[in-house]
Amino acid sequence: MEIKGLIEKTQAELNELAQQIQQLQQKQQVLVNEALKKQGALELLQEMEKDEV
């Protein structure tokens, strides 16, 4: 019985960690998307600057 309880506790902890990893991956994807947008905007501004000269 003690081992079964330990297994259940460990599984619950693993599930919680998996959830935390998934949340971090989602946050990371949001940050990557924001960085790509800013990079695109920067490149556009740099092209516009070249055209002004």
PDB file of N, CA and C in Angstrom:
ATOM      1  N   MET A   1       0.834  -1.201   0.000  1.00  0.00           N
ATOM      2  CA  MET A   1       0.000   0.000   0.000  1.00  0.00           C
ATOM      3  C   MET A   1       0.870   1.252   0.000  1.00  0.00           C
ATOM      4  N   GLU A   2       1.955   1.197   0.750  1.00  0.00           N
ATOM      5  CA  GLU A   2       2.835   2.362   0.843  1.00  0.00           C
ATOM      6  C   GLU A   2       3.452   2.679  -0.516  1.00  0.00           C
ATOM      7  N   ILE A   3       3.845   1.632  -1.245  1.00  0.00           N
ATOM      8  CA  ILE A   3       4.456   1.833  -2.561  1.00  0.00           C
ATOM      9  C   ILE A   3       3.429   2.407  -3.528  1.00  0.00           C
ATOM     10  N   LYS A   4       2.191   1.901  -3.457  1.00  0.00           N
ATOM     11  CA  LYS A   4       1.134   2.397  -4.344  1.00  0.00           C
ATOM     12  C   LYS A   4       0.900   3.893  -4.110  1.00  0.00           C
ATOM     13  N   GLY A   5       0.894   4.290  -2.851  1.00  0.00           N
ATOM     14  CA  GLY A   5       0.719   5.706  -2.521  1.00  0.00           C
ATOM     15  C   GLY A   5       1.870   6.546  -3.055  1.00  0.00           C
ATOM     16  N   LEU A   6       3.066   6.018  -2.946  1.00  0.00           N
ATOM     17  CA  LEU A   6       4.248   6.721  -3.445  1.00  0.00           C
ATOM     18  C   LEU A   6       4.185   6.865  -4.963  1.00  0.00           C
ATOM     19  N   ILE A   7       3.740   5.794  -5.632  1.00  0.00           N
ATOM     20  CA  ILE A   7       3.595   5.838  -7.092  1.00  0.00           C
ATOM     21  C   ILE A   7       2.588   6.912  -7.488  1.00  0.00           C
ATOM     22  N   GLU A   8       1.442   6.937  -6.804  1.00  0.00           N
ATOM     23  CA  GLU A   8       0.399   7.924  -7.123  1.00  0.00           C
ATOM     24  C   GLU A   8       0.896   9.346  -6.892  1.00  0.00           C
ATOM     25  N   LYS A   9       1.616   9.543  -5.791  1.00  0.00           N
ATOM     26  CA  LYS A   9       2.159  10.872  -5.487  1.00  0.00           C
ATOM     27  C   LYS A   9       3.160  11.296  -6.561  1.00  0.00           C
ATOM     28  N   THR A  10       4.022  10.364  -6.953  1.00  0.00           N
ATOM     29  CA  THR A  10       5.028  10.664  -7.976  1.00  0.00           C
ATOM     30  C   THR A  10       4.375  10.968  -9.315  1.00  0.00           C
ATOM     31  N   GLN A  11       3.333  10.203  -9.664  1.00  0.00           N
ATOM     32  CA  GLN A  11       2.621  10.463 -10.914  1.00  0.00           C
ATOM     33  C   GLN A  11       1.964  11.837 -10.897  1.00  0.00           C
ATOM     34  N   ALA A  12       1.392  12.198  -9.761  1.00  0.00           N
ATOM     35  CA  ALA A  12       0.756  13.511  -9.635  1.00  0.00           C
ATOM     36  C   ALA A  12       1.796  14.620  -9.789  1.00  0.00           C
ATOM     37  N   GLU A  13       2.964  14.428  -9.185  1.00  0.00           N
ATOM     38  CA  GLU A  13       4.038  15.421  -9.306  1.00  0.00           C
ATOM     39  C   GLU A  13       4.521  15.533 -10.748  1.00  0.00           C
ATOM     40  N   LEU A  14       4.643  14.390 -11.423  1.00  0.00           N
ATOM     41  CA  LEU A  14       5.069  14.404 -12.827  1.00  0.00           C
ATOM     42  C   LEU A  14       4.041  15.114 -13.702  1.00  0.00           C
ATOM     43  N   ASN A  15       2.768  14.861 -13.430  1.00  0.00           N
ATOM     44  CA  ASN A  15       1.715  15.537 -14.193  1.00  0.00           C
ATOM     45  C   ASN A  15       1.768  17.046 -13.986  1.00  0.00           C
ATOM     46  N   GLU A  16       2.018  17.454 -12.740  1.00  0.00           N
ATOM     47  CA  GLU A  16       2.121  18.881 -12.440  1.00  0.00           C
ATOM     48  C   GLU A  16       3.316  19.499 -13.169  1.00  0.00           C
ATOM     49  N   LEU A  17       4.442  18.801 -13.162  1.00  0.00           N
ATOM     50  CA  LEU A  17       5.623  19.297 -13.871  1.00  0.00           C
ATOM     51  C   LEU A  17       5.372  19.371 -15.374  1.00  0.00           C
ATOM     52  N   ALA A  18       4.679  18.378 -15.909  1.00  0.00           N
ATOM     53  CA  ALA A  18       4.368  18.388 -17.340  1.00  0.00           C
ATOM     54  C   ALA A  18       3.499  19.593 -17.682  1.00  0.00           C
ATOM     55  N   GLN A  19       2.561  19.911 -16.799  1.00  0.00           N
ATOM     56  CA  GLN A  19       1.707  21.084 -17.005  1.00  0.00           C
ATOM     57  C   GLN A  19       2.533  22.366 -16.973  1.00  0.00           C
ATOM     58  N   GLN A  20       3.442  22.446 -16.022  1.00  0.00           N
ATOM     59  CA  GLN A  20       4.298  23.630 -15.915  1.00  0.00           C
ATOM     60  C   GLN A  20       5.170  23.780 -17.158  1.00  0.00           C
ATOM     61  N   ILE A  21       5.699  22.673 -17.660  1.00  0.00           N
ATOM     62  CA  ILE A  21       6.515  22.707 -18.880  1.00  0.00           C
ATOM     63  C   ILE A  21       5.683  23.207 -20.048  1.00  0.00           C
ATOM     64  N   GLN A  22       4.458  22.704 -20.155  1.00  0.00           N
ATOM     65  CA  GLN A  22       3.586  23.117 -21.252  1.00  0.00           C
ATOM     66  C   GLN A  22       3.297  24.619 -21.177  1.00  0.00           C
ATOM     67  N   GLN A  23       3.039  25.120 -19.970  1.00  0.00           N
ATOM     68  CA  GLN A  23       2.782  26.551 -19.804  1.00  0.00           C
ATOM     69  C   GLN A  23       4.009  27.376 -20.184  1.00  0.00           C
ATOM     70  N   LEU A  24       5.192  26.908 -19.784  1.00  0.00           N
ATOM     71  CA  LEU A  24       6.425  27.617 -20.133  1.00  0.00           C
ATOM     72  C   LEU A  24       6.657  27.608 -21.640  1.00  0.00           C
ATOM     73  N   GLN A  25       6.346  26.486 -22.279  1.00  0.00           N
ATOM     74  CA  GLN A  25       6.512  26.408 -23.732  1.00  0.00           C
ATOM     75  C   GLN A  25       5.567  27.379 -24.434  1.00  0.00           C
ATOM     76  N   GLN A  26       4.348  27.510 -23.908  1.00  0.00           N
ATOM     77  CA  GLN A  26       3.398  28.452 -24.499  1.00  0.00           C
ATOM     78  C   GLN A  26       3.890  29.887 -24.329  1.00  0.00           C
ATOM     79  N   LYS A  27       4.395  30.201 -23.134  1.00  0.00           N
ATOM     80  CA  LYS A  27       4.933  31.546 -22.893  1.00  0.00           C
ATOM     81  C   LYS A  27       6.135  31.808 -23.796  1.00  0.00           C
ATOM     82  N   GLN A  28       6.986  30.789 -23.953  1.00  0.00           N
ATOM     83  CA  GLN A  28       8.161  30.924 -24.808  1.00  0.00           C
ATOM     84  C   GLN A  28       7.738  31.186 -26.247  1.00  0.00           C
ATOM     85  N   GLN A  29       6.708  30.493 -26.711  1.00  0.00           N
ATOM     86  CA  GLN A  29       6.240  30.684 -28.086  1.00  0.00           C
ATOM     87  C   GLN A  29       5.714  32.097 -28.284  1.00  0.00           C
ATOM     88  N   VAL A  30       5.008  32.627 -27.277  1.00  0.00           N
ATOM     89  CA  VAL A  30       4.520  34.004 -27.351  1.00  0.00           C
ATOM     90  C   VAL A  30       5.703  34.966 -27.475  1.00  0.00           C
ATOM     91  N   LEU A  31       6.742  34.739 -26.675  1.00  0.00           N
ATOM     92  CA  LEU A  31       7.922  35.609 -26.719  1.00  0.00           C
ATOM     93  C   LEU A  31       8.641  35.501 -28.058  1.00  0.00           C
ATOM     94  N   VAL A  32       8.741  34.290 -28.589  1.00  0.00           N
ATOM     95  CA  VAL A  32       9.368  34.103 -29.900  1.00  0.00           C
ATOM     96  C   VAL A  32       8.575  34.851 -30.963  1.00  0.00           C
ATOM     97  N   ASN A  33       7.255  34.732 -30.916  1.00  0.00           N
ATOM     98  CA  ASN A  33       6.416  35.423 -31.893  1.00  0.00           C
ATOM     99  C   ASN A  33       6.585  36.938 -31.796  1.00  0.00           C
ATOM    100  N   GLU A  34       6.633  37.459 -30.568  1.00  0.00           N
ATOM    101  CA  GLU A  34       6.838  38.898 -30.376  1.00  0.00           C
ATOM    102  C   GLU A  34       8.196  39.325 -30.925  1.00  0.00           C
ATOM    103  N   ALA A  35       9.220  38.527 -30.664  1.00  0.00           N
ATOM    104  CA  ALA A  35      10.560  38.855 -31.153  1.00  0.00           C
ATOM    105  C   ALA A  35      10.591  38.860 -32.677  1.00  0.00           C
ATOM    106  N   LEU A  36       9.925  37.890 -33.299  1.00  0.00           N
ATOM    107  CA  LEU A  36       9.895  37.834 -34.760  1.00  0.00           C
ATOM    108  C   LEU A  36       9.167  39.045 -35.338  1.00  0.00           C
ATOM    109  N   LYS A  37       8.083  39.460 -34.696  1.00  0.00           N
ATOM    110  CA  LYS A  37       7.356  40.648 -35.162  1.00  0.00           C
ATOM    111  C   LYS A  37       8.243  41.889 -35.070  1.00  0.00           C
ATOM    112  N   LYS A  38       8.939  42.025 -33.934  1.00  0.00           N
ATOM    113  CA  LYS A  38       9.807  43.190 -33.752  1.00  0.00           C
ATOM    114  C   LYS A  38      10.966  43.165 -34.735  1.00  0.00           C
ATOM    115  N   GLN A  39      11.499  41.982 -34.989  1.00  0.00           N
ATOM    116  CA  GLN A  39      12.586  41.854 -35.956  1.00  0.00           C
ATOM    117  C   GLN A  39      12.095  42.260 -37.338  1.00  0.00           C
ATOM    118  N   GLY A  40      10.889  41.811 -37.691  1.00  0.00           N
ATOM    119  CA  GLY A  40      10.308  42.180 -38.984  1.00  0.00           C
ATOM    120  C   GLY A  40      10.094  43.678 -39.085  1.00  0.00           C
ATOM    121  N   ALA A  41       9.614  44.283 -37.999  1.00  0.00           N
ATOM    122  CA  ALA A  41       9.393  45.727 -37.993  1.00  0.00           C
ATOM    123  C   ALA A  41      10.720  46.470 -38.123  1.00  0.00           C
ATOM    124  N   LEU A  42      11.740  45.981 -37.432  1.00  0.00           N
ATOM    125  CA  LEU A  42      13.060  46.603 -37.509  1.00  0.00           C
ATOM    126  C   LEU A  42      13.605  46.532 -38.930  1.00  0.00           C
ATOM    127  N   GLU A  43      13.482  45.369 -39.551  1.00  0.00           N
ATOM    128  CA  GLU A  43      13.969  45.218 -40.925  1.00  0.00           C
ATOM    129  C   GLU A  43      13.217  46.147 -41.874  1.00  0.00           C
ATOM    130  N   LEU A  44      11.916  46.280 -41.660  1.00  0.00           N
ATOM    131  CA  LEU A  44      11.115  47.184 -42.491  1.00  0.00           C
ATOM    132  C   LEU A  44      11.581  48.628 -42.318  1.00  0.00           C
ATOM    133  N   LEU A  45      11.810  49.026 -41.071  1.00  0.00           N
ATOM    134  CA  LEU A  45      12.284  50.389 -40.811  1.00  0.00           C
ATOM    135  C   LEU A  45      13.658  50.622 -41.435  1.00  0.00           C
ATOM    136  N   GLN A  46      14.512  49.612 -41.368  1.00  0.00           N
ATOM    137  CA  GLN A  46      15.844  49.751 -41.956  1.00  0.00           C
ATOM    138  C   GLN A  46      15.749  49.900 -43.474  1.00  0.00           C
ATOM    139  N   GLU A  47      14.836  49.174 -44.101  1.00  0.00           N
ATOM    140  CA  GLU A  47      14.629  49.311 -45.547  1.00  0.00           C
ATOM    141  C   GLU A  47      14.102  50.701 -45.883  1.00  0.00           C
ATOM    142  N   MET A  48      13.179  51.191 -45.050  1.00  0.00           N
ATOM    143  CA  MET A  48      12.622  52.528 -45.282  1.00  0.00           C
ATOM    144  C   MET A  48      13.711  53.591 -45.145  1.00  0.00           C
ATOM    145  N   GLU A  49      14.602  53.391 -44.173  1.00  0.00           N
ATOM    146  CA  GLU A  49      15.696  54.333 -43.958  1.00  0.00           C
ATOM    147  C   GLU A  49      16.613  54.359 -45.179  1.00  0.00           C
ATOM    148  N   LYS A  50      16.890  53.188 -45.745  1.00  0.00           N
ATOM    149  CA  LYS A  50      17.725  53.121 -46.946  1.00  0.00           C
ATOM    150  C   LYS A  50      17.080  53.890 -48.097  1.00  0.00           C
ATOM    151  N   ASP A  51      15.771  53.768 -48.220  1.00  0.00           N
ATOM    152  CA  ASP A  51      15.058  54.440 -49.304  1.00  0.00           C
ATOM    153  C   ASP A  51      15.071  55.952 -49.142  1.00  0.00           C
ATOM    154  N   GLU A  52      15.155  56.443 -47.899  1.00  0.00           N
ATOM    155  CA  GLU A  52      15.160  57.885 -47.643  1.00  0.00           C
ATOM    156  C   GLU A  52      16.454  58.531 -48.106  1.00  0.00           C
ATOM    157  N   VAL A  53      17.534  57.790 -48.036  1.00  0.00           N
ATOM    158  CA  VAL A  53      18.862  58.355 -48.327  1.00  0.00           C
ATOM    159  C   VAL A  53      19.063  58.591 -49.797  1.00  0.00           C
TER     160      VAL A  53
END
